Amino acid sequence: MKATESENNIQLSEPVCDFRYLIDIVNGKTYLISGIMDVFLKQVPEDIQCINEAITNTDYKTIKSYTHTMKSSVSIMGISILMPVLMEMENLGIAETDIEKIKQLNLKLKVICVQAIDEIKKEKLNYNHAILKKTINKNSKS
């Protein structure tokens, strides 16, 4: 996902992900954390693409459905900054109104998701390294 010129006007100076909840719910198991991150990295760009298409087609039902689903994904990754954006998009989808406001919110959604994906990819490297290290240590003891 690449940011457009409009999206580049939204500035984020702080990290958007807080992995504490994810780490807590899986008891720090690195392979589970890595796997959940993989699912997020695959699913969120697909969800955003579907939302983009739904906006183009003024398909409020699909906008509502995908924004509702995304709330769980962003919650697990601790991207709390997106919750009000997704909730407003979902509510506008339910009300079947204000596609222009949905478009504005979608710009913010995309910018934050681009940053989140970057943060998750970087964090995932740490978990991949930890998994590899455990595997090497396990094999060297055999």
Foldseek 3Di string as FASTA:
>chain_A
DDADPVLVVDDDDDQQFDQPLLCVVVVNPLVVLLVLLVCLLPPPVVLLVQCVVCLVVLQLVSQLVSLVVVLVSRVNRNRVVCVVLSVVSNVCSVVSDDSVVPVVSSSVVVSNVVSNNVVSVVVSVVSVVVVVVVVVVVVVVD
